[in-house]
N, C-alpha and C. Protein backbone atom coordinates (compact mmCIF):
# COMPACT_ATOMS: atom_id res chain seq x y z
N MET A 1 18.19 -17.33 47.27
CA MET A 1 18.00 -18.45 46.29
C MET A 1 16.35 -18.56 45.93
N ILE A 2 16.36 -18.86 44.92
CA ILE A 2 14.91 -18.84 44.04
C ILE A 2 14.21 -19.83 44.85
N ASN A 3 12.84 -19.29 45.04
CA ASN A 3 11.77 -20.03 45.51
C ASN A 3 10.73 -20.88 44.60
N PRO A 4 11.21 -22.29 44.27
CA PRO A 4 10.80 -23.08 42.92
C PRO A 4 9.09 -22.17 42.84
N LEU A 5 8.21 -22.66 44.25
CA LEU A 5 6.72 -22.01 44.07
C LEU A 5 6.21 -20.70 43.45
N LYS A 6 7.52 -19.73 43.94
CA LYS A 6 7.21 -18.43 43.26
C LYS A 6 7.47 -18.45 42.14
N MET A 7 8.38 -19.09 41.60
CA MET A 7 8.79 -19.27 40.26
C MET A 7 7.90 -19.44 39.41
N ALA A 8 7.06 -20.84 40.01
CA ALA A 8 5.92 -21.38 39.07
C ALA A 8 4.70 -20.50 38.79
N GLU A 9 4.57 -19.63 39.70
CA GLU A 9 3.54 -18.60 39.73
C GLU A 9 4.06 -17.67 38.97
N MET A 10 5.25 -17.17 38.93
CA MET A 10 5.52 -16.18 37.97
C MET A 10 5.28 -16.65 36.67
N LEU A 11 5.46 -17.79 36.31
CA LEU A 11 5.63 -18.30 34.67
C LEU A 11 4.17 -18.33 34.46
N SER A 12 3.24 -18.99 35.43
CA SER A 12 1.63 -18.88 35.26
C SER A 12 1.24 -17.59 35.04
N GLN A 13 1.55 -16.46 35.68
CA GLN A 13 1.07 -15.27 35.34
C GLN A 13 1.39 -14.90 33.75
N ALA A 14 3.17 -15.16 33.66
CA ALA A 14 3.19 -14.99 32.26
C ALA A 14 2.71 -15.09 31.38
N ASN A 15 2.39 -16.56 31.67
CA ASN A 15 1.48 -17.29 30.61
C ASN A 15 -0.24 -16.68 30.07
N LYS A 16 -0.25 -16.53 31.47
CA LYS A 16 -2.05 -15.83 31.01
C LYS A 16 -1.60 -14.47 30.70
N MET A 17 -0.71 -13.71 31.14
CA MET A 17 -1.05 -12.27 30.11
C MET A 17 -0.27 -12.66 28.48
N GLN A 18 0.22 -13.79 28.41
CA GLN A 18 0.60 -13.67 26.86
C GLN A 18 -1.15 -14.38 25.90
N GLU A 19 -1.53 -14.79 26.77
CA GLU A 19 -2.63 -15.91 26.30
C GLU A 19 -4.02 -14.20 26.35
N ASP A 20 -3.94 -13.64 27.01
CA ASP A 20 -4.57 -12.65 27.39
C ASP A 20 -4.46 -11.41 26.38
N MET A 21 -2.87 -11.21 26.00
CA MET A 21 -2.52 -10.55 24.64
C MET A 21 -2.92 -11.05 23.29
N GLN A 22 -3.08 -12.23 23.29
CA GLN A 22 -3.30 -13.22 21.94
C GLN A 22 -4.72 -13.02 21.79
N ARG A 23 -5.31 -12.90 22.57
CA ARG A 23 -6.77 -12.99 22.46
C ARG A 23 -7.55 -11.03 22.31
N LYS A 24 -6.47 -10.10 22.65
CA LYS A 24 -6.70 -9.16 22.38
C LYS A 24 -6.80 -8.67 21.06
N LEU A 25 -5.45 -9.04 20.49
CA LEU A 25 -5.01 -8.73 19.12
C LEU A 25 -5.71 -9.46 18.07
N ALA A 26 -6.21 -11.18 18.52
CA ALA A 26 -7.34 -11.23 17.54
C ALA A 26 -8.32 -10.81 17.17
N GLN A 27 -8.74 -9.64 18.27
CA GLN A 27 -10.10 -9.20 18.10
C GLN A 27 -9.79 -7.50 17.66
N THR A 28 -8.73 -7.37 18.02
CA THR A 28 -8.27 -6.07 17.25
C THR A 28 -8.17 -5.91 15.75
N VAL A 29 -8.68 -4.85 15.17
CA VAL A 29 -8.78 -4.42 13.99
C VAL A 29 -8.32 -3.21 13.25
N VAL A 30 -7.63 -3.72 11.86
CA VAL A 30 -7.12 -2.09 11.49
C VAL A 30 -7.37 -2.48 10.02
N GLU A 31 -7.82 -1.12 9.60
CA GLU A 31 -7.64 -0.93 8.01
C GLU A 31 -6.34 -0.10 7.58
N GLY A 32 -6.29 -0.38 6.54
CA GLY A 32 -5.60 -0.01 6.07
C GLY A 32 -5.84 0.69 4.30
N SER A 33 -5.43 1.81 3.70
CA SER A 33 -6.09 1.85 2.38
C SER A 33 -4.70 2.12 1.52
N SER A 34 -5.55 2.35 0.36
CA SER A 34 -4.62 3.03 -0.87
C SER A 34 -5.10 3.73 -1.91
N GLY A 35 -4.78 4.47 -2.87
CA GLY A 35 -5.99 5.13 -4.01
C GLY A 35 -6.75 6.00 -3.62
N GLY A 36 -6.48 6.80 -2.19
CA GLY A 36 -7.61 7.52 -1.88
C GLY A 36 -9.05 6.78 -1.22
N GLY A 37 -8.71 5.26 -1.46
CA GLY A 37 -9.82 4.30 -0.84
C GLY A 37 -10.10 3.67 -2.04
N ALA A 38 -9.51 3.58 -3.01
CA ALA A 38 -10.46 2.80 -3.94
C ALA A 38 -9.52 1.36 -3.69
N VAL A 39 -8.85 1.07 -2.56
CA VAL A 39 -8.55 -0.10 -2.20
C VAL A 39 -8.56 -0.56 -0.62
N THR A 40 -9.00 -0.92 0.26
CA THR A 40 -9.16 -1.00 1.74
C THR A 40 -8.49 -2.46 2.51
N ALA A 41 -7.73 -2.43 2.90
CA ALA A 41 -7.07 -3.69 3.79
C ALA A 41 -7.63 -4.07 4.98
N THR A 42 -8.34 -4.37 5.74
CA THR A 42 -8.54 -5.25 7.10
C THR A 42 -7.44 -6.25 7.18
N MET A 43 -7.53 -5.87 8.54
CA MET A 43 -5.76 -6.94 9.22
C MET A 43 -6.55 -6.81 10.64
N ASN A 44 -6.51 -8.23 11.11
CA ASN A 44 -6.56 -8.10 12.90
C ASN A 44 -4.83 -7.81 13.55
N GLY A 45 -4.84 -8.03 14.64
CA GLY A 45 -3.66 -7.48 15.94
C GLY A 45 -2.64 -8.39 14.80
N LYS A 46 -3.31 -9.74 15.04
CA LYS A 46 -2.21 -10.95 14.53
C LYS A 46 -1.70 -10.40 12.92
N LYS A 47 -2.31 -9.49 12.32
CA LYS A 47 -1.29 -9.60 10.84
C LYS A 47 -1.69 -10.42 10.31
N GLU A 48 -3.21 -11.03 10.19
CA GLU A 48 -3.94 -11.75 9.36
C GLU A 48 -4.63 -10.49 8.44
N LEU A 49 -4.62 -10.99 7.28
CA LEU A 49 -5.57 -10.03 6.54
C LEU A 49 -7.03 -10.66 6.57
N VAL A 50 -7.77 -9.84 7.26
CA VAL A 50 -9.47 -10.40 7.40
C VAL A 50 -10.69 -10.01 6.01
N LYS A 51 -9.95 -8.96 4.90
CA LYS A 51 -11.07 -8.56 4.24
C LYS A 51 -10.32 -7.59 3.18
N LEU A 52 -10.81 -7.72 2.04
CA LEU A 52 -10.29 -6.76 1.00
C LEU A 52 -11.32 -6.39 0.29
N LYS A 53 -11.02 -5.10 0.51
CA LYS A 53 -12.51 -4.39 -0.72
C LYS A 53 -11.26 -3.26 -1.46
N ILE A 54 -12.16 -3.54 -2.94
CA ILE A 54 -12.15 -2.89 -4.26
C ILE A 54 -13.03 -2.15 -4.44
N ASP A 55 -12.78 -1.20 -4.59
CA ASP A 55 -14.27 0.25 -4.71
C ASP A 55 -14.30 -0.28 -6.51
N PRO A 56 -15.64 -0.75 -7.09
CA PRO A 56 -15.43 -0.74 -8.35
C PRO A 56 -15.53 0.10 -9.27
N SER A 57 -14.97 1.50 -8.86
CA SER A 57 -14.39 2.13 -9.89
C SER A 57 -13.05 1.95 -10.37
N ALA A 58 -12.03 1.18 -9.54
CA ALA A 58 -10.75 0.52 -9.45
C ALA A 58 -11.05 -0.72 -10.46
N VAL A 59 -11.91 -1.46 -10.22
CA VAL A 59 -12.30 -2.04 -11.87
C VAL A 59 -12.84 -1.72 -12.58
N ALA A 60 -13.41 -1.01 -12.57
CA ALA A 60 -13.80 -0.52 -13.98
C ALA A 60 -12.62 0.41 -14.91
N SER A 61 -11.75 0.57 -14.28
CA SER A 61 -10.45 1.11 -14.90
C SER A 61 -9.89 -0.01 -15.57
N LEU A 62 -10.10 -1.40 -15.65
CA LEU A 62 -9.51 -2.39 -16.16
C LEU A 62 -9.98 -3.01 -17.38
N SER A 63 -11.06 -2.48 -17.78
CA SER A 63 -11.72 -2.78 -19.13
C SER A 63 -10.97 -2.44 -20.44
N GLY A 64 -11.04 -3.23 -21.08
CA GLY A 64 -10.73 -2.81 -22.50
C GLY A 64 -9.45 -3.20 -22.13
N PRO A 65 -8.56 -3.29 -23.50
CA PRO A 65 -7.16 -3.49 -24.19
C PRO A 65 -5.86 -3.67 -23.38
N SER A 66 -6.03 -2.13 -23.05
CA SER A 66 -5.29 -1.36 -21.86
C SER A 66 -5.60 -1.47 -20.43
N GLY A 67 -6.14 -2.07 -20.02
CA GLY A 67 -6.58 -2.25 -18.38
C GLY A 67 -5.46 -1.99 -17.81
N ASP A 68 -4.91 -1.62 -16.74
CA ASP A 68 -4.04 -1.43 -15.73
C ASP A 68 -3.98 -2.01 -14.82
N ILE A 69 -3.84 -3.49 -14.64
CA ILE A 69 -3.44 -4.36 -13.41
C ILE A 69 -2.53 -4.29 -12.66
N GLU A 70 -1.11 -3.73 -13.10
CA GLU A 70 -0.36 -3.27 -12.43
C GLU A 70 -0.45 -2.54 -11.60
N LEU A 71 -1.41 -1.34 -12.02
CA LEU A 71 -1.69 -0.57 -11.13
C LEU A 71 -2.63 -0.92 -9.88
N LEU A 72 -3.73 -1.69 -10.12
CA LEU A 72 -4.60 -2.64 -9.21
C LEU A 72 -3.86 -2.85 -8.30
N GLU A 73 -2.58 -3.89 -8.51
CA GLU A 73 -2.14 -4.48 -7.61
C GLU A 73 -0.93 -3.76 -7.12
N SER A 74 -0.41 -2.74 -7.26
CA SER A 74 0.04 -1.63 -6.57
C SER A 74 -0.73 -1.40 -5.30
N LEU A 75 -2.05 -0.84 -5.62
CA LEU A 75 -3.28 -0.30 -4.81
C LEU A 75 -3.36 -1.44 -3.86
N ILE A 76 -3.35 -2.81 -4.41
CA ILE A 76 -3.74 -3.89 -3.07
C ILE A 76 -2.58 -4.10 -2.40
N VAL A 77 -1.10 -4.23 -2.82
CA VAL A 77 -0.19 -4.07 -2.27
C VAL A 77 0.19 -2.77 -0.70
N GLY A 78 -0.20 -2.10 -1.72
CA GLY A 78 -0.24 -0.43 -0.66
C GLY A 78 -0.75 -0.39 0.66
N ALA A 79 -2.39 -0.98 0.35
CA ALA A 79 -3.37 -1.43 1.17
C ALA A 79 -2.80 -2.29 2.44
N VAL A 80 -2.69 -3.19 1.65
CA VAL A 80 -2.39 -4.21 3.10
C VAL A 80 -0.74 -3.98 3.48
N ASN A 81 0.50 -2.91 2.88
CA ASN A 81 1.53 -2.80 3.98
C ASN A 81 1.05 -1.70 4.86
N ASP A 82 -0.42 -0.54 4.36
CA ASP A 82 -0.88 -0.04 5.35
C ASP A 82 -1.78 -0.54 6.08
N ALA A 83 -2.26 -1.57 6.46
CA ALA A 83 -2.87 -2.02 7.33
C ALA A 83 -1.71 -2.88 8.21
N GLY A 84 -0.61 -3.36 7.71
CA GLY A 84 0.13 -4.38 8.25
C GLY A 84 0.56 -3.18 9.43
N HIS A 85 1.44 -1.76 8.84
CA HIS A 85 1.91 -1.09 9.34
C HIS A 85 0.77 -0.84 10.95
N LYS A 86 -0.04 -0.51 10.64
CA LYS A 86 -1.47 0.03 11.61
C LYS A 86 -1.32 -1.05 12.52
N ALA A 87 -1.40 -2.32 11.83
CA ALA A 87 -1.21 -3.51 13.23
C ALA A 87 -0.26 -3.71 14.06
N ASP A 88 1.44 -3.17 13.72
CA ASP A 88 2.48 -2.97 14.00
C ASP A 88 2.41 -2.24 15.41
N GLU A 89 1.58 -1.18 15.09
CA GLU A 89 1.72 0.00 16.17
C GLU A 89 0.44 -0.41 17.18
N ALA A 90 -0.89 -1.36 16.53
CA ALA A 90 -1.60 -1.75 17.70
C ALA A 90 -0.96 -2.76 18.56
N ILE A 91 -0.08 -3.83 18.00
CA ILE A 91 1.22 -4.47 19.05
C ILE A 91 1.65 -4.09 19.79
N GLN A 92 2.59 -3.19 19.28
CA GLN A 92 3.15 -2.18 20.09
C GLN A 92 2.57 -1.69 21.25
N SER A 93 1.48 -0.84 21.05
CA SER A 93 0.61 -0.15 21.89
C SER A 93 0.07 -1.21 23.22
N SER A 94 -0.24 -2.36 22.80
CA SER A 94 -0.73 -3.71 23.45
C SER A 94 0.39 -3.85 24.29
N VAL A 95 1.15 -3.82 23.77
CA VAL A 95 2.97 -4.80 24.62
C VAL A 95 3.38 -3.52 25.42
N LYS A 96 3.13 -2.25 25.26
CA LYS A 96 3.52 -1.29 26.58
C LYS A 96 2.54 -1.18 27.68
N GLY A 97 1.33 -1.32 26.89
CA GLY A 97 -0.04 -1.52 27.86
C GLY A 97 0.04 -2.65 29.22
N ALA A 98 0.55 -3.69 28.48
CA ALA A 98 0.66 -4.61 29.30
C ALA A 98 2.14 -4.98 30.13
N LEU A 99 2.85 -3.77 30.21
CA LEU A 99 4.10 -3.70 30.58
C LEU A 99 3.91 -2.70 31.69
N GLY A 100 2.36 -1.82 31.44
CA GLY A 100 2.80 -0.69 32.42
C GLY A 100 3.42 0.24 31.73
N GLY A 101 3.80 0.59 30.27
CA GLY A 101 4.41 1.01 29.84
C GLY A 101 5.79 1.28 30.14
N MET A 102 6.37 0.03 30.25
CA MET A 102 7.77 0.01 30.39
C MET A 102 8.62 -0.21 28.95
N ASN A 103 9.58 0.57 28.64
CA ASN A 103 10.08 0.41 27.12
C ASN A 103 10.85 -0.28 27.40
N LEU A 104 10.75 -1.69 26.60
CA LEU A 104 12.11 -2.50 26.82
C LEU A 104 12.59 -2.70 25.15
N ASN A 105 12.44 -2.21 24.28
CA ASN A 105 13.43 -1.77 23.33
C ASN A 105 13.26 -3.39 22.46
N ILE A 106 11.90 -3.76 22.33
CA ILE A 106 11.92 -5.48 21.80
C ILE A 106 11.97 -5.28 20.40
N PRO A 107 12.92 -6.28 19.84
CA PRO A 107 13.10 -6.30 18.43
C PRO A 107 11.90 -6.16 17.50
N GLY A 108 11.47 -5.65 16.57
CA GLY A 108 10.38 -6.18 15.36
C GLY A 108 9.06 -5.53 16.33
N LEU A 109 8.82 -4.65 17.67
CA LEU A 109 8.05 -4.12 18.15
C LEU A 109 8.06 -2.31 18.57
N GLY A 110 9.37 -2.04 17.54
CA GLY A 110 9.13 -0.60 18.00
C GLY A 110 10.39 0.58 16.94
């Protein structure tokens, strides 16, 4: 039979671990880039975009009647996706660390 007091203690520990992990992920910062660094996206471990940097040379190419806005849009998407992949790796690393290296094949984390 399962001891209810032990179960409550285990749930409390699990909640604390989850809170600690959320705090750690919020403090984790990753950068992704595209176009050889023309666009850089900074994201936290919660996959929130916190900064987007566009090199002035990428904007200069937009002047004139044939400015390539689609290219700049592609570079932005690429940088954000790159940062998202790096954030996924950071999340996976944090989860594995919190679980003591156990490999649980959790969907979306591997």
